[in-house]
């Protein structure tokens, strides 16, 4: 039985969790960059899906399958982003409820 390889794992330069040893300021900056990039990626998918949908609606010579797939990708990525946001808010509220 061949092992299942996950693409992108090879490109991680440091061991998992090693960035937490470098300090909280740098890791929080990395986390904010990660969130910013995720929101920008979802936004670009939404714009691309809208552009493809308009092209199909105008009757331009365009593949309808690509428009539907782009719309589904944009929808799923937005739902994922909202679930991550909800989990982050829940975690924040849980931390705020902790008594010191």
N, C-alpha and C. Protein backbone atom coordinates (compact mmCIF):
# COMPACT_ATOMS: atom_id res chain seq x y z
N UNK A 1 0.84 -1.16 0.00
CA UNK A 1 0.00 0.00 0.00
C UNK A 1 0.90 1.24 0.00
N UNK A 2 0.70 2.11 -0.95
CA UNK A 2 1.51 3.31 -1.07
C UNK A 2 1.02 4.37 -0.09
N UNK A 3 1.96 5.11 0.52
CA UNK A 3 1.53 6.19 1.41
C UNK A 3 0.92 7.34 0.61
N UNK A 4 -0.02 8.01 1.22
CA UNK A 4 -0.67 9.15 0.59
C UNK A 4 0.16 10.39 0.89
N UNK A 5 0.61 11.07 -0.15
CA UNK A 5 1.42 12.26 0.02
C UNK A 5 0.53 13.50 -0.04
N UNK A 6 0.77 14.40 0.87
CA UNK A 6 0.03 15.66 0.89
C UNK A 6 0.93 16.71 0.30
N UNK A 7 0.46 17.35 -0.77
CA UNK A 7 1.27 18.35 -1.43
C UNK A 7 1.39 19.59 -0.56
N UNK A 8 2.55 20.16 -0.55
CA UNK A 8 2.79 21.37 0.21
C UNK A 8 3.48 21.11 1.54
N UNK A 9 3.44 19.89 2.02
CA UNK A 9 4.08 19.58 3.29
C UNK A 9 5.61 19.68 3.16
N UNK A 10 6.12 19.31 2.01
CA UNK A 10 7.57 19.34 1.82
C UNK A 10 8.13 20.75 1.89
N UNK A 11 7.30 21.74 1.61
CA UNK A 11 7.79 23.11 1.52
C UNK A 11 7.84 23.83 2.87
N UNK A 12 7.45 23.19 3.95
CA UNK A 12 7.48 23.84 5.26
C UNK A 12 8.93 23.85 5.73
N UNK A 13 9.52 25.06 5.95
CA UNK A 13 10.94 25.15 6.24
C UNK A 13 11.33 24.76 7.66
N UNK A 14 10.43 24.86 8.63
CA UNK A 14 10.78 24.57 10.01
C UNK A 14 9.78 23.58 10.58
N UNK A 15 10.16 22.88 11.64
CA UNK A 15 9.24 21.92 12.25
C UNK A 15 7.97 22.60 12.75
N UNK A 16 6.90 21.84 12.76
CA UNK A 16 5.62 22.37 13.22
C UNK A 16 5.76 22.83 14.67
N UNK A 17 5.31 24.05 14.94
CA UNK A 17 5.36 24.59 16.28
C UNK A 17 6.64 25.32 16.61
N UNK A 18 7.64 25.29 15.73
CA UNK A 18 8.90 25.96 16.02
C UNK A 18 8.76 27.47 16.00
N UNK A 19 7.78 27.98 15.28
CA UNK A 19 7.60 29.43 15.24
C UNK A 19 7.11 29.98 16.57
N UNK A 20 6.48 29.15 17.40
CA UNK A 20 6.03 29.64 18.70
C UNK A 20 7.18 29.89 19.64
N UNK A 21 8.33 29.30 19.37
CA UNK A 21 9.49 29.51 20.23
C UNK A 21 10.19 30.82 19.94
N UNK A 22 9.87 31.48 18.85
CA UNK A 22 10.56 32.69 18.44
C UNK A 22 10.04 33.94 19.12
N UNK A 23 8.89 33.89 19.75
CA UNK A 23 8.34 35.06 20.42
C UNK A 23 6.93 35.32 19.96
N UNK A 24 6.16 35.96 20.82
CA UNK A 24 4.75 36.17 20.50
C UNK A 24 4.54 37.28 19.49
N UNK A 25 5.40 38.29 19.46
CA UNK A 25 5.19 39.40 18.53
C UNK A 25 5.30 38.92 17.08
N UNK A 26 6.31 38.10 16.81
CA UNK A 26 6.49 37.64 15.44
C UNK A 26 5.40 36.67 15.04
N UNK A 27 4.99 35.77 15.95
CA UNK A 27 3.97 34.80 15.59
C UNK A 27 2.60 35.47 15.41
N UNK A 28 2.30 36.52 16.19
CA UNK A 28 1.03 37.20 16.01
C UNK A 28 1.01 37.97 14.69
N UNK A 29 2.17 38.51 14.30
CA UNK A 29 2.24 39.18 13.00
C UNK A 29 2.02 38.16 11.89
N UNK A 30 2.58 36.98 12.02
CA UNK A 30 2.39 35.93 11.03
C UNK A 30 0.94 35.48 10.95
N UNK A 31 0.28 35.41 12.10
CA UNK A 31 -1.11 35.01 12.12
C UNK A 31 -1.99 36.05 11.45
N UNK A 32 -1.71 37.33 11.71
CA UNK A 32 -2.51 38.38 11.07
C UNK A 32 -2.28 38.38 9.56
N UNK A 33 -1.05 38.11 9.14
CA UNK A 33 -0.78 38.00 7.71
C UNK A 33 -1.52 36.82 7.10
N UNK A 34 -1.57 35.73 7.83
CA UNK A 34 -2.29 34.54 7.35
C UNK A 34 -3.77 34.85 7.17
N UNK A 35 -4.36 35.53 8.14
CA UNK A 35 -5.77 35.88 8.02
C UNK A 35 -6.02 36.86 6.89
N UNK A 36 -5.14 37.84 6.75
CA UNK A 36 -5.28 38.82 5.68
C UNK A 36 -5.21 38.14 4.32
N UNK A 37 -4.27 37.23 4.15
CA UNK A 37 -4.13 36.51 2.88
C UNK A 37 -5.35 35.64 2.60
N UNK A 38 -5.92 35.03 3.64
CA UNK A 38 -7.11 34.19 3.46
C UNK A 38 -8.30 35.03 3.02
N UNK A 39 -8.47 36.19 3.64
CA UNK A 39 -9.59 37.07 3.27
C UNK A 39 -9.40 37.58 1.84
N UNK A 40 -8.18 37.94 1.48
CA UNK A 40 -7.92 38.41 0.12
C UNK A 40 -8.16 37.30 -0.91
N UNK A 41 -7.80 36.06 -0.57
CA UNK A 41 -8.02 34.95 -1.49
C UNK A 41 -9.51 34.70 -1.69
N UNK A 42 -10.28 34.74 -0.62
CA UNK A 42 -11.73 34.55 -0.73
C UNK A 42 -12.34 35.69 -1.54
N UNK A 43 -11.88 36.90 -1.31
CA UNK A 43 -12.39 38.05 -2.05
C UNK A 43 -12.10 37.92 -3.54
N UNK A 44 -10.90 37.49 -3.89
CA UNK A 44 -10.58 37.34 -5.31
C UNK A 44 -11.40 36.22 -5.95
N UNK A 45 -11.68 35.15 -5.20
CA UNK A 45 -12.54 34.09 -5.73
C UNK A 45 -13.95 34.61 -5.96
N UNK A 46 -14.45 35.45 -5.06
CA UNK A 46 -15.79 36.01 -5.21
C UNK A 46 -15.85 36.91 -6.45
N UNK A 47 -14.82 37.73 -6.64
CA UNK A 47 -14.80 38.60 -7.82
C UNK A 47 -14.70 37.80 -9.12
N UNK A 48 -13.89 36.76 -9.11
CA UNK A 48 -13.75 35.93 -10.31
C UNK A 48 -15.07 35.23 -10.63
N UNK A 49 -15.75 34.71 -9.61
CA UNK A 49 -17.03 34.05 -9.83
C UNK A 49 -18.06 35.04 -10.37
N UNK A 50 -18.05 36.24 -9.84
CA UNK A 50 -18.97 37.27 -10.34
C UNK A 50 -18.69 37.65 -11.77
N UNK A 51 -17.41 37.76 -12.11
CA UNK A 51 -17.03 38.10 -13.49
C UNK A 51 -17.45 37.00 -14.45
N UNK A 52 -17.22 35.74 -14.07
CA UNK A 52 -17.60 34.63 -14.94
C UNK A 52 -19.12 34.53 -15.07
N UNK A 53 -19.84 34.77 -13.97
CA UNK A 53 -21.30 34.75 -14.03
C UNK A 53 -21.85 35.83 -14.95
N UNK A 54 -21.26 37.02 -14.89
CA UNK A 54 -21.68 38.10 -15.79
C UNK A 54 -21.40 37.76 -17.25
N UNK A 55 -20.26 37.12 -17.49
CA UNK A 55 -19.91 36.75 -18.87
C UNK A 55 -20.91 35.75 -19.43
N UNK A 56 -21.33 34.80 -18.60
CA UNK A 56 -22.33 33.82 -19.05
C UNK A 56 -23.67 34.50 -19.26
N UNK A 57 -24.04 35.41 -18.37
CA UNK A 57 -25.33 36.10 -18.48
C UNK A 57 -25.39 36.99 -19.72
N UNK A 58 -24.26 37.57 -20.09
CA UNK A 58 -24.22 38.43 -21.28
C UNK A 58 -24.18 37.64 -22.57
N UNK A 59 -23.98 36.34 -22.47
CA UNK A 59 -23.96 35.51 -23.66
C UNK A 59 -22.61 35.49 -24.35
N UNK A 60 -21.58 35.93 -23.67
CA UNK A 60 -20.25 35.88 -24.26
C UNK A 60 -19.84 34.42 -24.43
N UNK A 61 -18.93 34.20 -25.31
CA UNK A 61 -18.47 32.84 -25.59
C UNK A 61 -17.66 32.35 -24.39
N UNK A 62 -18.36 31.76 -23.44
CA UNK A 62 -17.70 31.33 -22.22
C UNK A 62 -18.26 29.99 -21.79
N UNK A 63 -17.45 29.20 -21.12
CA UNK A 63 -17.86 27.88 -20.66
C UNK A 63 -18.68 28.02 -19.38
N UNK A 64 -19.93 27.57 -19.42
CA UNK A 64 -20.81 27.69 -18.26
C UNK A 64 -20.33 26.83 -17.10
N UNK A 65 -19.66 25.73 -17.41
CA UNK A 65 -19.16 24.85 -16.37
C UNK A 65 -18.11 25.55 -15.51
N UNK A 66 -17.26 26.32 -16.14
CA UNK A 66 -16.25 27.06 -15.39
C UNK A 66 -16.90 28.09 -14.47
N UNK A 67 -17.95 28.72 -14.92
CA UNK A 67 -18.64 29.72 -14.10
C UNK A 67 -19.29 29.07 -12.88
N UNK A 68 -19.92 27.92 -13.09
CA UNK A 68 -20.57 27.23 -11.98
C UNK A 68 -19.54 26.73 -10.98
N UNK A 69 -18.45 26.18 -11.48
CA UNK A 69 -17.39 25.69 -10.59
C UNK A 69 -16.77 26.85 -9.81
N UNK A 70 -16.52 27.97 -10.47
CA UNK A 70 -15.96 29.13 -9.78
C UNK A 70 -16.93 29.65 -8.71
N UNK A 71 -18.21 29.64 -9.01
CA UNK A 71 -19.20 30.06 -8.02
C UNK A 71 -19.24 29.15 -6.81
N UNK A 72 -19.15 27.85 -7.04
CA UNK A 72 -19.14 26.90 -5.93
C UNK A 72 -17.87 27.02 -5.09
N UNK A 73 -16.74 27.20 -5.76
CA UNK A 73 -15.48 27.39 -5.03
C UNK A 73 -15.55 28.63 -4.17
N UNK A 74 -16.08 29.71 -4.71
CA UNK A 74 -16.20 30.96 -3.96
C UNK A 74 -17.15 30.79 -2.77
N UNK A 75 -18.24 30.11 -3.00
CA UNK A 75 -19.20 29.89 -1.92
C UNK A 75 -18.63 29.04 -0.80
N UNK A 76 -17.97 27.96 -1.17
CA UNK A 76 -17.38 27.07 -0.15
C UNK A 76 -16.25 27.76 0.61
N UNK A 77 -15.43 28.52 -0.09
CA UNK A 77 -14.33 29.20 0.60
C UNK A 77 -14.87 30.28 1.54
N UNK A 78 -15.97 30.94 1.16
CA UNK A 78 -16.59 31.93 2.04
C UNK A 78 -17.18 31.25 3.28
N UNK A 79 -17.83 30.10 3.08
CA UNK A 79 -18.37 29.37 4.23
C UNK A 79 -17.26 28.92 5.17
N UNK A 80 -16.16 28.47 4.62
CA UNK A 80 -15.02 28.06 5.44
C UNK A 80 -14.47 29.25 6.22
N UNK A 81 -14.33 30.38 5.55
CA UNK A 81 -13.84 31.58 6.22
C UNK A 81 -14.77 31.98 7.37
N UNK A 82 -16.07 31.88 7.16
CA UNK A 82 -17.02 32.23 8.21
C UNK A 82 -16.94 31.25 9.38
N UNK A 83 -16.72 29.98 9.11
CA UNK A 83 -16.58 29.01 10.19
C UNK A 83 -15.31 29.25 10.99
N UNK A 84 -14.23 29.61 10.31
CA UNK A 84 -12.98 29.94 11.02
C UNK A 84 -13.20 31.17 11.89
N UNK A 85 -13.89 32.16 11.34
CA UNK A 85 -14.20 33.37 12.12
C UNK A 85 -15.01 33.03 13.35
N UNK A 86 -16.02 32.19 13.19
CA UNK A 86 -16.87 31.81 14.32
C UNK A 86 -16.06 31.07 15.39
N UNK A 87 -15.16 30.19 14.97
CA UNK A 87 -14.33 29.47 15.94
C UNK A 87 -13.38 30.42 16.66
N UNK A 88 -12.86 31.41 15.95
CA UNK A 88 -11.98 32.38 16.59
C UNK A 88 -12.75 33.22 17.61
N UNK A 89 -13.96 33.62 17.29
CA UNK A 89 -14.78 34.39 18.22
C UNK A 89 -15.12 33.54 19.44
N UNK A 90 -15.46 32.26 19.23
CA UNK A 90 -15.74 31.38 20.36
C UNK A 90 -14.53 31.22 21.26
N UNK A 91 -13.34 31.07 20.65
CA UNK A 91 -12.12 30.92 21.44
C UNK A 91 -11.84 32.20 22.23
N UNK A 92 -12.04 33.35 21.61
CA UNK A 92 -11.83 34.62 22.30
C UNK A 92 -12.79 34.76 23.48
N UNK A 93 -14.05 34.43 23.27
CA UNK A 93 -15.03 34.53 24.34
C UNK A 93 -14.70 33.56 25.47
N UNK A 94 -14.21 32.39 25.13
CA UNK A 94 -13.81 31.41 26.15
C UNK A 94 -12.64 31.93 26.98
N UNK A 95 -11.69 32.56 26.33
CA UNK A 95 -10.55 33.13 27.06
C UNK A 95 -11.02 34.26 27.96
N UNK A 96 -11.95 35.07 27.48
CA UNK A 96 -12.43 36.19 28.28
C UNK A 96 -13.25 35.72 29.51
N UNK A 97 -13.83 34.53 29.43
CA UNK A 97 -14.59 33.99 30.56
C UNK A 97 -13.70 33.38 31.64
N UNK A 98 -12.43 33.13 31.30
CA UNK A 98 -11.52 32.51 32.27
C UNK A 98 -11.27 33.47 33.42
N UNK A 99 -11.26 32.88 34.62
CA UNK A 99 -10.96 33.68 35.79
C UNK A 99 -9.48 33.56 36.12
N UNK A 100 -8.92 34.69 36.47
CA UNK A 100 -7.48 34.69 36.76
C UNK A 100 -7.23 34.62 38.23
